[in-house]
PDB file of N, CA and C in Angstrom:
ATOM      1  N   MET A   1     -36.814 -43.003  -0.815  1.00  0.00           N
ATOM      2  CA  MET A   1     -35.375 -42.991  -0.722  1.00  0.00           C
ATOM      3  C   MET A   1     -34.748 -42.337  -1.948  1.00  0.00           C
ATOM      4  N   ASN A   2     -35.375 -42.499  -3.102  1.00  0.00           N
ATOM      5  CA  ASN A   2     -34.867 -41.873  -4.310  1.00  0.00           C
ATOM      6  C   ASN A   2     -34.918 -40.350  -4.216  1.00  0.00           C
ATOM      7  N   SER A   3     -35.956 -39.810  -3.606  1.00  0.00           N
ATOM      8  CA  SER A   3     -36.062 -38.362  -3.496  1.00  0.00           C
ATOM      9  C   SER A   3     -34.970 -37.803  -2.591  1.00  0.00           C
ATOM     10  N   GLN A   4     -34.590 -38.566  -1.557  1.00  0.00           N
ATOM     11  CA  GLN A   4     -33.522 -38.111  -0.676  1.00  0.00           C
ATOM     12  C   GLN A   4     -32.174 -38.097  -1.394  1.00  0.00           C
ATOM     13  N   THR A   5     -31.921 -39.117  -2.204  1.00  0.00           N
ATOM     14  CA  THR A   5     -30.626 -39.177  -2.874  1.00  0.00           C
ATOM     15  C   THR A   5     -30.499 -38.091  -3.927  1.00  0.00           C
ATOM     16  N   THR A   6     -31.599 -37.696  -4.577  1.00  0.00           N
ATOM     17  CA  THR A   6     -31.514 -36.614  -5.553  1.00  0.00           C
ATOM     18  C   THR A   6     -31.492 -35.263  -4.872  1.00  0.00           C
ATOM     19  N   GLU A   7     -32.076 -35.158  -3.706  1.00  0.00           N
ATOM     20  CA  GLU A   7     -32.065 -33.885  -2.986  1.00  0.00           C
ATOM     21  C   GLU A   7     -30.709 -33.606  -2.350  1.00  0.00           C
ATOM     22  N   GLU A   8     -30.141 -34.619  -1.755  1.00  0.00           N
ATOM     23  CA  GLU A   8     -28.888 -34.402  -1.041  1.00  0.00           C
ATOM     24  C   GLU A   8     -27.764 -33.881  -1.943  1.00  0.00           C
ATOM     25  N   PRO A   9     -27.515 -34.490  -3.104  1.00  0.00           N
ATOM     26  CA  PRO A   9     -26.434 -33.936  -3.943  1.00  0.00           C
ATOM     27  C   PRO A   9     -26.702 -32.506  -4.377  1.00  0.00           C
ATOM     28  N   SER A  10     -27.942 -32.174  -4.696  1.00  0.00           N
ATOM     29  CA  SER A  10     -28.229 -30.796  -5.110  1.00  0.00           C
ATOM     30  C   SER A  10     -28.058 -29.837  -3.941  1.00  0.00           C
ATOM     31  N   GLN A  11     -28.447 -30.268  -2.741  1.00  0.00           N
ATOM     32  CA  GLN A  11     -28.254 -29.413  -1.571  1.00  0.00           C
ATOM     33  C   GLN A  11     -26.766 -29.237  -1.286  1.00  0.00           C
ATOM     34  N   LEU A  12     -26.014 -30.332  -1.416  1.00  0.00           N
ATOM     35  CA  LEU A  12     -24.572 -30.244  -1.196  1.00  0.00           C
ATOM     36  C   LEU A  12     -23.924 -29.333  -2.242  1.00  0.00           C
ATOM     37  N   LEU A  13     -24.367 -29.451  -3.470  1.00  0.00           N
ATOM     38  CA  LEU A  13     -23.839 -28.601  -4.534  1.00  0.00           C
ATOM     39  C   LEU A  13     -24.152 -27.135  -4.265  1.00  0.00           C
ATOM     40  N   ASN A  14     -25.386 -26.836  -3.879  1.00  0.00           N
ATOM     41  CA  ASN A  14     -25.766 -25.454  -3.558  1.00  0.00           C
ATOM     42  C   ASN A  14     -24.950 -24.907  -2.398  1.00  0.00           C
ATOM     43  N   LYS A  15     -24.722 -25.753  -1.391  1.00  0.00           N
ATOM     44  CA  LYS A  15     -23.932 -25.328  -0.233  1.00  0.00           C
ATOM     45  C   LYS A  15     -22.482 -25.062  -0.647  1.00  0.00           C
ATOM     46  N   ALA A  16     -21.931 -25.927  -1.497  1.00  0.00           N
ATOM     47  CA  ALA A  16     -20.555 -25.748  -1.962  1.00  0.00           C
ATOM     48  C   ALA A  16     -20.428 -24.472  -2.788  1.00  0.00           C
ATOM     49  N   ILE A  17     -21.407 -24.215  -3.638  1.00  0.00           N
ATOM     50  CA  ILE A  17     -21.396 -22.987  -4.445  1.00  0.00           C
ATOM     51  C   ILE A  17     -21.480 -21.764  -3.542  1.00  0.00           C
ATOM     52  N   SER A  18     -22.343 -21.815  -2.551  1.00  0.00           N
ATOM     53  CA  SER A  18     -22.496 -20.699  -1.619  1.00  0.00           C
ATOM     54  C   SER A  18     -21.197 -20.454  -0.851  1.00  0.00           C
ATOM     55  N   ASN A  19     -20.581 -21.527  -0.384  1.00  0.00           N
ATOM     56  CA  ASN A  19     -19.312 -21.390   0.350  1.00  0.00           C
ATOM     57  C   ASN A  19     -18.224 -20.808  -0.542  1.00  0.00           C
ATOM     58  N   ALA A  20     -18.174 -21.254  -1.787  1.00  0.00           N
ATOM     59  CA  ALA A  20     -17.165 -20.742  -2.720  1.00  0.00           C
ATOM     60  C   ALA A  20     -17.376 -19.256  -2.986  1.00  0.00           C
ATOM     61  N   ARG A  21     -18.630 -18.850  -3.134  1.00  0.00           N
ATOM     62  CA  ARG A  21     -18.920 -17.423  -3.354  1.00  0.00           C
ATOM     63  C   ARG A  21     -18.506 -16.592  -2.142  1.00  0.00           C
ATOM     64  N   ASN A  22     -18.827 -17.086  -0.951  1.00  0.00           N
ATOM     65  CA  ASN A  22     -18.463 -16.354   0.267  1.00  0.00           C
ATOM     66  C   ASN A  22     -16.950 -16.241   0.407  1.00  0.00           C
ATOM     67  N   LYS A  23     -16.247 -17.334   0.116  1.00  0.00           N
ATOM     68  CA  LYS A  23     -14.795 -17.321   0.223  1.00  0.00           C
ATOM     69  C   LYS A  23     -14.183 -16.366  -0.801  1.00  0.00           C
ATOM     70  N   THR A  24     -14.712 -16.370  -2.001  1.00  0.00           N
ATOM     71  CA  THR A  24     -14.225 -15.471  -3.050  1.00  0.00           C
ATOM     72  C   THR A  24     -14.454 -14.019  -2.648  1.00  0.00           C
ATOM     73  N   GLU A  25     -15.606 -13.729  -2.086  1.00  0.00           N
ATOM     74  CA  GLU A  25     -15.926 -12.365  -1.641  1.00  0.00           C
ATOM     75  C   GLU A  25     -14.978 -11.930  -0.526  1.00  0.00           C
ATOM     76  N   GLU A  26     -14.692 -12.836   0.413  1.00  0.00           N
ATOM     77  CA  GLU A  26     -13.759 -12.518   1.495  1.00  0.00           C
ATOM     78  C   GLU A  26     -12.358 -12.248   0.934  1.00  0.00           C
ATOM     79  N   GLN A  27     -11.926 -13.076  -0.017  1.00  0.00           N
ATOM     80  CA  GLN A  27     -10.609 -12.877  -0.622  1.00  0.00           C
ATOM     81  C   GLN A  27     -10.545 -11.555  -1.372  1.00  0.00           C
ATOM     82  N   ARG A  28     -11.627 -11.197  -2.052  1.00  0.00           N
ATOM     83  CA  ARG A  28     -11.667  -9.930  -2.781  1.00  0.00           C
ATOM     84  C   ARG A  28     -11.513  -8.757  -1.815  1.00  0.00           C
ATOM     85  N   LYS A  29     -12.202  -8.821  -0.682  1.00  0.00           N
ATOM     86  CA  LYS A  29     -12.112  -7.745   0.303  1.00  0.00           C
ATOM     87  C   LYS A  29     -10.698  -7.637   0.877  1.00  0.00           C
ATOM     88  N   VAL A  30     -10.072  -8.781   1.145  1.00  0.00           N
ATOM     89  CA  VAL A  30      -8.703  -8.778   1.662  1.00  0.00           C
ATOM     90  C   VAL A  30      -7.753  -8.149   0.649  1.00  0.00           C
ATOM     91  N   LEU A  31      -7.907  -8.533  -0.618  1.00  0.00           N
ATOM     92  CA  LEU A  31      -7.035  -7.976  -1.658  1.00  0.00           C
ATOM     93  C   LEU A  31      -7.273  -6.488  -1.847  1.00  0.00           C
ATOM     94  N   GLU A  32      -8.526  -6.061  -1.762  1.00  0.00           N
ATOM     95  CA  GLU A  32      -8.812  -4.625  -1.883  1.00  0.00           C
ATOM     96  C   GLU A  32      -8.134  -3.845  -0.771  1.00  0.00           C
ATOM     97  N   LYS A  33      -8.183  -4.374   0.448  1.00  0.00           N
ATOM     98  CA  LYS A  33      -7.529  -3.689   1.564  1.00  0.00           C
ATOM     99  C   LYS A  33      -6.018  -3.684   1.380  1.00  0.00           C
ATOM    100  N   ARG A  34      -5.472  -4.814   0.942  1.00  0.00           N
ATOM    101  CA  ARG A  34      -4.026  -4.953   0.806  1.00  0.00           C
ATOM    102  C   ARG A  34      -3.467  -4.006  -0.254  1.00  0.00           C
ATOM    103  N   TYR A  35      -4.186  -3.856  -1.356  1.00  0.00           N
ATOM    104  CA  TYR A  35      -3.658  -3.073  -2.472  1.00  0.00           C
ATOM    105  C   TYR A  35      -4.282  -1.689  -2.598  1.00  0.00           C
ATOM    106  N   ALA A  36      -5.078  -1.284  -1.645  1.00  0.00           N
ATOM    107  CA  ALA A  36      -5.733   0.023  -1.713  1.00  0.00           C
ATOM    108  C   ALA A  36      -4.713   1.157  -1.787  1.00  0.00           C
ATOM    109  N   SER A  37      -3.656   1.065  -0.992  1.00  0.00           N
ATOM    110  CA  SER A  37      -2.649   2.137  -1.004  1.00  0.00           C
ATOM    111  C   SER A  37      -1.900   2.165  -2.333  1.00  0.00           C
ATOM    112  N   ASP A  38      -1.637   0.984  -2.919  1.00  0.00           N
ATOM    113  CA  ASP A  38      -0.964   0.940  -4.219  1.00  0.00           C
ATOM    114  C   ASP A  38      -1.839   1.557  -5.303  1.00  0.00           C
ATOM    115  N   VAL A  39      -3.119   1.227  -5.271  1.00  0.00           N
ATOM    116  CA  VAL A  39      -4.051   1.766  -6.265  1.00  0.00           C
ATOM    117  C   VAL A  39      -4.141   3.277  -6.118  1.00  0.00           C
ATOM    118  N   LYS A  40      -4.194   3.763  -4.880  1.00  0.00           N
ATOM    119  CA  LYS A  40      -4.265   5.203  -4.644  1.00  0.00           C
ATOM    120  C   LYS A  40      -2.992   5.884  -5.149  1.00  0.00           C
ATOM    121  N   ALA A  41      -1.848   5.284  -4.900  1.00  0.00           N
ATOM    122  CA  ALA A  41      -0.586   5.867  -5.355  1.00  0.00           C
ATOM    123  C   ALA A  41      -0.526   5.943  -6.877  1.00  0.00           C
ATOM    124  N   VAL A  42      -0.990   4.897  -7.541  1.00  0.00           N
ATOM    125  CA  VAL A  42      -0.986   4.893  -9.007  1.00  0.00           C
ATOM    126  C   VAL A  42      -1.940   5.960  -9.538  1.00  0.00           C
ATOM    127  N   ARG A  43      -3.126   6.053  -8.947  1.00  0.00           N
ATOM    128  CA  ARG A  43      -4.089   7.066  -9.394  1.00  0.00           C
ATOM    129  C   ARG A  43      -3.549   8.477  -9.164  1.00  0.00           C
ATOM    130  N   ASP A  44      -2.914   8.700  -8.017  1.00  0.00           N
ATOM    131  CA  ASP A  44      -2.329  10.018  -7.743  1.00  0.00           C
ATOM    132  C   ASP A  44      -1.228  10.346  -8.756  1.00  0.00           C
ATOM    133  N   ASN A  45      -0.422   9.330  -9.089  1.00  0.00           N
ATOM    134  CA  ASN A  45       0.647   9.535 -10.056  1.00  0.00           C
ATOM    135  C   ASN A  45       0.077   9.870 -11.435  1.00  0.00           C
ATOM    136  N   ILE A  46      -0.984   9.187 -11.816  1.00  0.00           N
ATOM    137  CA  ILE A  46      -1.624   9.471 -13.105  1.00  0.00           C
ATOM    138  C   ILE A  46      -2.184  10.889 -13.116  1.00  0.00           C
ATOM    139  N   ASP A  47      -2.861  11.281 -12.025  1.00  0.00           N
ATOM    140  CA  ASP A  47      -3.402  12.642 -11.940  1.00  0.00           C
ATOM    141  C   ASP A  47      -2.295  13.681 -12.028  1.00  0.00           C
ATOM    142  N   LYS A  48      -1.188  13.421 -11.335  1.00  0.00           N
ATOM    143  CA  LYS A  48      -0.056  14.352 -11.354  1.00  0.00           C
ATOM    144  C   LYS A  48       0.534  14.459 -12.767  1.00  0.00           C
ATOM    145  N   THR A  49       0.653  13.322 -13.430  1.00  0.00           N
ATOM    146  CA  THR A  49       1.204  13.309 -14.789  1.00  0.00           C
ATOM    147  C   THR A  49       0.304  14.074 -15.749  1.00  0.00           C
ATOM    148  N   PHE A  50      -1.009  13.852 -15.668  1.00  0.00           N
ATOM    149  CA  PHE A  50      -1.917  14.567 -16.553  1.00  0.00           C
ATOM    150  C   PHE A  50      -1.909  16.062 -16.260  1.00  0.00           C
ATOM    151  N   ALA A  51      -1.806  16.432 -14.999  1.00  0.00           N
ATOM    152  CA  ALA A  51      -1.736  17.853 -14.654  1.00  0.00           C
ATOM    153  C   ALA A  51      -0.488  18.480 -15.260  1.00  0.00           C
ATOM    154  N   GLN A  52       0.633  17.746 -15.210  1.00  0.00           N
ATOM    155  CA  GLN A  52       1.874  18.260 -15.795  1.00  0.00           C
ATOM    156  C   GLN A  52       1.739  18.392 -17.310  1.00  0.00           C
ATOM    157  N   HIS A  53       1.089  17.425 -17.942  1.00  0.00           N
ATOM    158  CA  HIS A  53       0.894  17.507 -19.397  1.00  0.00           C
ATOM    159  C   HIS A  53       0.018  18.701 -19.770  1.00  0.00           C
ATOM    160  N   GLU A  54      -0.993  18.964 -18.951  1.00  0.00           N
ATOM    161  CA  GLU A  54      -1.842  20.129 -19.214  1.00  0.00           C
ATOM    162  C   GLU A  54      -1.038  21.422 -19.107  1.00  0.00           C
ATOM    163  N   LYS A  55      -0.160  21.502 -18.108  1.00  0.00           N
ATOM    164  CA  LYS A  55       0.688  22.682 -17.967  1.00  0.00           C
ATOM    165  C   LYS A  55       1.628  22.812 -19.159  1.00  0.00           C
ATOM    166  N   ASP A  56       2.203  21.684 -19.574  1.00  0.00           N
ATOM    167  CA  ASP A  56       3.153  21.701 -20.687  1.00  0.00           C
ATOM    168  C   ASP A  56       2.488  22.080 -22.005  1.00  0.00           C
ATOM    169  N   ALA A  57       1.213  21.821 -22.110  1.00  0.00           N
ATOM    170  CA  ALA A  57       0.504  22.084 -23.368  1.00  0.00           C
ATOM    171  C   ALA A  57       0.074  23.539 -23.519  1.00  0.00           C
ATOM    172  N   GLN A  58       0.233  24.345 -22.492  1.00  0.00           N
ATOM    173  CA  GLN A  58      -0.219  25.729 -22.537  1.00  0.00           C
ATOM    174  C   GLN A  58       0.874  26.627 -23.132  1.00  0.00           C
ATOM    175  N   VAL A  59       0.844  26.758 -24.436  1.00  0.00           N
ATOM    176  CA  VAL A  59       1.794  27.615 -25.143  1.00  0.00           C
ATOM    177  C   VAL A  59       1.211  29.029 -25.178  1.00  0.00           C
ATOM    178  N   THR A  60       2.028  29.997 -24.821  1.00  0.00           N
ATOM    179  CA  THR A  60       1.556  31.391 -24.813  1.00  0.00           C
ATOM    180  C   THR A  60       2.339  32.207 -25.839  1.00  0.00           C
ATOM    181  N   PHE A  61       1.690  33.229 -26.320  1.00  0.00           N
ATOM    182  CA  PHE A  61       2.313  34.115 -27.312  1.00  0.00           C
ATOM    183  C   PHE A  61       2.524  35.481 -26.683  1.00  0.00           C
ATOM    184  N   ASP A  62       3.744  35.981 -26.795  1.00  0.00           N
ATOM    185  CA  ASP A  62       4.087  37.304 -26.275  1.00  0.00           C
ATOM    186  C   ASP A  62       4.149  38.270 -27.459  1.00  0.00           C
ATOM    187  N   PRO A  63       3.152  39.172 -27.584  1.00  0.00           N
ATOM    188  CA  PRO A  63       3.125  40.063 -28.750  1.00  0.00           C
ATOM    189  C   PRO A  63       4.276  41.069 -28.780  1.00  0.00           C
ATOM    190  N   THR A  64       4.834  41.416 -27.623  1.00  0.00           N
ATOM    191  CA  THR A  64       5.922  42.408 -27.635  1.00  0.00           C
ATOM    192  C   THR A  64       7.194  41.831 -28.228  1.00  0.00           C
ATOM    193  N   THR A  65       7.489  40.589 -27.947  1.00  0.00           N
ATOM    194  CA  THR A  65       8.708  39.969 -28.504  1.00  0.00           C
ATOM    195  C   THR A  65       8.392  39.090 -29.701  1.00  0.00           C
ATOM    196  N   ARG A  66       7.113  38.937 -29.983  1.00  0.00           N
ATOM    197  CA  ARG A  66       6.640  38.094 -31.090  1.00  0.00           C
ATOM    198  C   ARG A  66       7.207  36.678 -31.009  1.00  0.00           C
ATOM    199  N   SER A  67       7.166  36.139 -29.810  1.00  0.00           N
ATOM    200  CA  SER A  67       7.657  34.773 -29.622  1.00  0.00           C
ATOM    201  C   SER A  67       6.640  33.989 -28.770  1.00  0.00           C
ATOM    202  N   THR A  68       6.792  32.702 -28.860  1.00  0.00           N
ATOM    203  CA  THR A  68       5.921  31.843 -28.054  1.00  0.00           C
ATOM    204  C   THR A  68       6.711  31.288 -26.885  1.00  0.00           C
ATOM    205  N   THR A  69       5.999  31.016 -25.838  1.00  0.00           N
ATOM    206  CA  THR A  69       6.607  30.397 -24.673  1.00  0.00           C
ATOM    207  C   THR A  69       5.999  29.016 -24.536  1.00  0.00           C
ATOM    208  N   ASN A  70       6.840  28.015 -24.624  1.00  0.00           N
ATOM    209  CA  ASN A  70       6.391  26.640 -24.498  1.00  0.00           C
ATOM    210  C   ASN A  70       6.934  26.090 -23.176  1.00  0.00           C
ATOM    211  N   PRO A  71       6.073  25.834 -22.202  1.00  0.00           N
ATOM    212  CA  PRO A  71       6.529  25.357 -20.897  1.00  0.00           C
ATOM    213  C   PRO A  71       7.308  24.047 -20.968  1.00  0.00           C
ATOM    214  N   LEU A  72       6.929  23.178 -21.885  1.00  0.00           N
ATOM    215  CA  LEU A  72       7.622  21.896 -22.002  1.00  0.00           C
ATOM    216  C   LEU A  72       9.060  22.095 -22.458  1.00  0.00           C
ATOM    217  N   GLN A  73       9.253  22.927 -23.483  1.00  0.00           N
ATOM    218  CA  GLN A  73      10.620  23.192 -23.952  1.00  0.00           C
ATOM    219  C   GLN A  73      11.444  23.854 -22.860  1.00  0.00           C
ATOM    220  N   LYS A  74      10.817  24.757 -22.125  1.00  0.00           N
ATOM    221  CA  LYS A  74      11.518  25.450 -21.041  1.00  0.00           C
ATOM    222  C   LYS A  74      11.942  24.454 -19.955  1.00  0.00           C
ATOM    223  N   ARG A  75      11.041  23.553 -19.605  1.00  0.00           N
ATOM    224  CA  ARG A  75      11.341  22.571 -18.564  1.00  0.00           C
ATOM    225  C   ARG A  75      12.442  21.615 -19.023  1.00  0.00           C
ATOM    226  N   ILE A  76      12.394  21.195 -20.277  1.00  0.00           N
ATOM    227  CA  ILE A  76      13.420  20.295 -20.812  1.00  0.00           C
ATOM    228  C   ILE A  76      14.783  20.979 -20.813  1.00  0.00           C
ATOM    229  N   LYS A  77      14.783  22.246 -21.196  1.00  0.00           N
ATOM    230  CA  LYS A  77      16.037  23.005 -21.217  1.00  0.00           C
ATOM    231  C   LYS A  77      16.602  23.134 -19.795  1.00  0.00           C
ATOM    232  N   GLU A  78      15.738  23.397 -18.810  1.00  0.00           N
ATOM    233  CA  GLU A  78      16.190  23.533 -17.426  1.00  0.00           C
ATOM    234  C   GLU A  78      16.732  22.210 -16.893  1.00  0.00           C
ATOM    235  N   GLU A  79      16.072  21.116 -17.242  1.00  0.00           N
ATOM    236  CA  GLU A  79      16.534  19.815 -16.767  1.00  0.00           C
ATOM    237  C   GLU A  79      17.848  19.415 -17.417  1.00  0.00           C
ATOM    238  N   ALA A  80      18.089  19.866 -18.642  1.00  0.00           N
ATOM    239  CA  ALA A  80      19.329  19.534 -19.342  1.00  0.00           C
ATOM    240  C   ALA A  80      20.524  20.280 -18.753  1.00  0.00           C
ATOM    241  N   GLU A  81      20.287  21.437 -18.174  1.00  0.00           N
ATOM    242  CA  GLU A  81      21.387  22.253 -17.626  1.00  0.00           C
ATOM    243  C   GLU A  81      21.854  21.763 -16.308  1.00  0.00           C
TER     244      GLU A  81
END
């Protein structure tokens, strides 16, 4: 009888742990599906922002006028007008 009483709580504990893991995994999958579009939108926005920064960082030099063209300054000036 002693072996049964020590086995049962450990079996119940293992079953409870297994159920908790399964429930957590199910909740994780639900949350991934629910927020997948938000995550994609944020990633797309980050990619777009970095692409814009790369464009803004490309300063060119015009040897005929001996001046530089800075896309960021040009864009800021256009937005201000």
